Amino acid sequence: MLLLALWGAGCSSSKIMFDAPRKLTGVIMIVGNEPFTRLSIRTDEKSVYLIKCGHDLKRMLLANQGKKVIVFYIGIEEKEPADEIDVVRAVIVPN
């Protein structure tokens, strides 16, 4: 019984959902090594967030790697090595 309780505690994560989308500004980049790469955003404060989003939005963000964007997200989940955000919209910042 104790073993199950410890196993469950190790697998838990904290996910926070917001009533309204929040925004984050940063540069789109890929982290990880093939075949385990992940789409992410690096903020001006050097924080990195993994991005979870739909297929069309992911394709648009991948095509704009290295560019500054504003992403709007509705949830954040604490994970290792970086927190993951649920992105619902993104806007490319003009140079």
C-alpha atoms as a PDB file:
ATOM      1  CA  MET A   1       0.000   0.000   0.000  1.00  0.00           C
ATOM      2  CA  LEU A   2       2.796   2.406   0.917  1.00  0.00           C
ATOM      3  CA  LEU A   3       4.605   1.584  -2.312  1.00  0.00           C
ATOM      4  CA  LEU A   4       1.557   2.609  -4.377  1.00  0.00           C
ATOM      5  CA  ALA A   5       1.279   5.886  -2.471  1.00  0.00           C
ATOM      6  CA  LEU A   6       4.935   6.710  -3.139  1.00  0.00           C
ATOM      7  CA  TRP A   7       4.650   5.769  -6.811  1.00  0.00           C
ATOM      8  CA  GLY A   8       1.590   7.991  -7.234  1.00  0.00           C
ATOM      9  CA  ALA A   9       3.326  10.929  -5.567  1.00  0.00           C
ATOM     10  CA  GLY A  10       6.287  10.638  -7.943  1.00  0.00           C
ATOM     11  CA  CYS A  11       4.051  10.727 -11.031  1.00  0.00           C
ATOM     12  CA  SER A  12       1.962  13.740 -10.099  1.00  0.00           C
ATOM     13  CA  SER A  13       2.375  17.061 -11.843  1.00  0.00           C
ATOM     14  CA  SER A  14       0.815  20.426 -11.322  1.00  0.00           C
ATOM     15  CA  LYS A  15      -1.284  21.862 -14.148  1.00  0.00           C
ATOM     16  CA  ILE A  16      -2.869  25.282 -13.861  1.00  0.00           C
ATOM     17  CA  MET A  17      -5.614  26.411 -16.260  1.00  0.00           C
ATOM     18  CA  PHE A  18      -6.502  30.105 -16.647  1.00  0.00           C
ATOM     19  CA  ASP A  19      -9.888  31.762 -17.246  1.00  0.00           C
ATOM     20  CA  ALA A  20      -8.438  34.008 -19.945  1.00  0.00           C
ATOM     21  CA  PRO A  21      -5.355  33.495 -22.123  1.00  0.00           C
ATOM     22  CA  ARG A  22      -2.077  34.903 -20.831  1.00  0.00           C
ATOM     23  CA  LYS A  23       0.711  36.132 -23.065  1.00  0.00           C
ATOM     24  CA  LEU A  24       4.407  35.471 -23.249  1.00  0.00           C
ATOM     25  CA  THR A  25       6.947  37.117 -25.569  1.00  0.00           C
ATOM     26  CA  GLY A  26      10.084  35.377 -26.724  1.00  0.00           C
ATOM     27  CA  VAL A  27      11.982  33.613 -29.497  1.00  0.00           C
ATOM     28  CA  ILE A  28      10.777  30.325 -31.012  1.00  0.00           C
ATOM     29  CA  MET A  29      13.349  27.542 -30.873  1.00  0.00           C
ATOM     30  CA  ILE A  30      13.717  23.774 -30.920  1.00  0.00           C
ATOM     31  CA  VAL A  31      15.182  21.981 -27.899  1.00  0.00           C
ATOM     32  CA  GLY A  32      16.320  18.387 -27.511  1.00  0.00           C
ATOM     33  CA  ASN A  33      18.016  15.947 -29.839  1.00  0.00           C
ATOM     34  CA  GLU A  34      16.533  14.048 -32.780  1.00  0.00           C
ATOM     35  CA  PRO A  35      14.228  12.208 -32.710  1.00  0.00           C
ATOM     36  CA  PHE A  36      13.067  13.775 -29.411  1.00  0.00           C
ATOM     37  CA  THR A  37      12.937  17.477 -30.286  1.00  0.00           C
ATOM     38  CA  ARG A  38      10.374  19.865 -28.820  1.00  0.00           C
ATOM     39  CA  LEU A  39       9.064  23.241 -29.897  1.00  0.00           C
ATOM     40  CA  SER A  40       9.747  25.899 -27.261  1.00  0.00           C
ATOM     41  CA  ILE A  41       9.914  29.613 -26.542  1.00  0.00           C
ATOM     42  CA  ARG A  42      12.803  31.398 -24.802  1.00  0.00           C
ATOM     43  CA  THR A  43      11.808  34.638 -23.070  1.00  0.00           C
ATOM     44  CA  ASP A  44      13.970  37.744 -22.695  1.00  0.00           C
ATOM     45  CA  GLU A  45      14.532  36.621 -19.083  1.00  0.00           C
ATOM     46  CA  LYS A  46      16.127  33.406 -20.493  1.00  0.00           C
ATOM     47  CA  SER A  47      13.287  31.157 -19.251  1.00  0.00           C
ATOM     48  CA  VAL A  48      12.386  28.313 -21.618  1.00  0.00           C
ATOM     49  CA  TYR A  49       8.858  26.902 -21.951  1.00  0.00           C
ATOM     50  CA  LEU A  50       7.901  23.850 -23.983  1.00  0.00           C
ATOM     51  CA  ILE A  51       4.967  24.504 -26.325  1.00  0.00           C
ATOM     52  CA  LYS A  52       1.934  22.263 -26.722  1.00  0.00           C
ATOM     53  CA  CYS A  53      -0.394  23.360 -29.547  1.00  0.00           C
ATOM     54  CA  GLY A  54      -2.450  22.244 -32.525  1.00  0.00           C
ATOM     55  CA  HIS A  55      -0.942  21.003 -35.795  1.00  0.00           C
ATOM     56  CA  ASP A  56      -1.492  24.189 -37.854  1.00  0.00           C
ATOM     57  CA  LEU A  57      -0.109  26.471 -35.154  1.00  0.00           C
ATOM     58  CA  LYS A  58       2.873  24.155 -34.664  1.00  0.00           C
ATOM     59  CA  ARG A  59       3.644  24.241 -38.387  1.00  0.00           C
ATOM     60  CA  MET A  60       3.503  28.060 -38.388  1.00  0.00           C
ATOM     61  CA  LEU A  61       5.799  28.294 -35.335  1.00  0.00           C
ATOM     62  CA  LEU A  62       8.275  25.782 -36.806  1.00  0.00           C
ATOM     63  CA  ALA A  63       8.455  27.890 -39.981  1.00  0.00           C
ATOM     64  CA  ASN A  64       9.337  30.926 -37.840  1.00  0.00           C
ATOM     65  CA  GLN A  65      12.151  29.495 -35.703  1.00  0.00           C
ATOM     66  CA  GLY A  66      14.480  32.182 -34.409  1.00  0.00           C
ATOM     67  CA  LYS A  67      11.864  34.907 -34.737  1.00  0.00           C
ATOM     68  CA  LYS A  68      10.321  36.871 -31.899  1.00  0.00           C
ATOM     69  CA  VAL A  69       6.689  35.980 -31.203  1.00  0.00           C
ATOM     70  CA  ILE A  70       3.931  36.652 -28.737  1.00  0.00           C
ATOM     71  CA  VAL A  71       2.118  33.474 -27.696  1.00  0.00           C
ATOM     72  CA  PHE A  72      -1.184  33.302 -25.866  1.00  0.00           C
ATOM     73  CA  TYR A  73      -1.602  30.307 -23.573  1.00  0.00           C
ATOM     74  CA  ILE A  74      -4.413  28.959 -21.413  1.00  0.00           C
ATOM     75  CA  GLY A  75      -2.548  26.548 -19.164  1.00  0.00           C
ATOM     76  CA  ILE A  76       0.853  25.709 -17.764  1.00  0.00           C
ATOM     77  CA  GLU A  77       2.142  22.396 -16.447  1.00  0.00           C
ATOM     78  CA  GLU A  78       5.224  22.055 -14.268  1.00  0.00           C
ATOM     79  CA  LYS A  79       7.527  19.517 -15.907  1.00  0.00           C
ATOM     80  CA  GLU A  80      11.208  18.691 -16.100  1.00  0.00           C
ATOM     81  CA  PRO A  81      13.336  19.981 -17.771  1.00  0.00           C
ATOM     82  CA  ALA A  82      10.974  22.897 -18.551  1.00  0.00           C
ATOM     83  CA  ASP A  83       7.378  23.884 -17.894  1.00  0.00           C
ATOM     84  CA  GLU A  84       4.908  23.205 -20.741  1.00  0.00           C
ATOM     85  CA  ILE A  85       2.354  25.780 -21.907  1.00  0.00           C
ATOM     86  CA  ASP A  86      -0.880  25.176 -23.851  1.00  0.00           C
ATOM     87  CA  VAL A  87      -0.643  27.727 -26.672  1.00  0.00           C
ATOM     88  CA  VAL A  88      -3.849  28.760 -28.441  1.00  0.00           C
ATOM     89  CA  ARG A  89      -2.583  31.636 -30.606  1.00  0.00           C
ATOM     90  CA  ALA A  90       0.687  33.216 -31.724  1.00  0.00           C
ATOM     91  CA  VAL A  91       1.629  36.479 -33.393  1.00  0.00           C
ATOM     92  CA  ILE A  92       4.973  37.102 -35.122  1.00  0.00           C
ATOM     93  CA  VAL A  93       6.559  40.359 -33.902  1.00  0.00           C
ATOM     94  CA  PRO A  94       7.691  42.481 -36.854  1.00  0.00           C
ATOM     95  CA  ASN A  95      11.369  43.501 -36.908  1.00  0.00           C
END
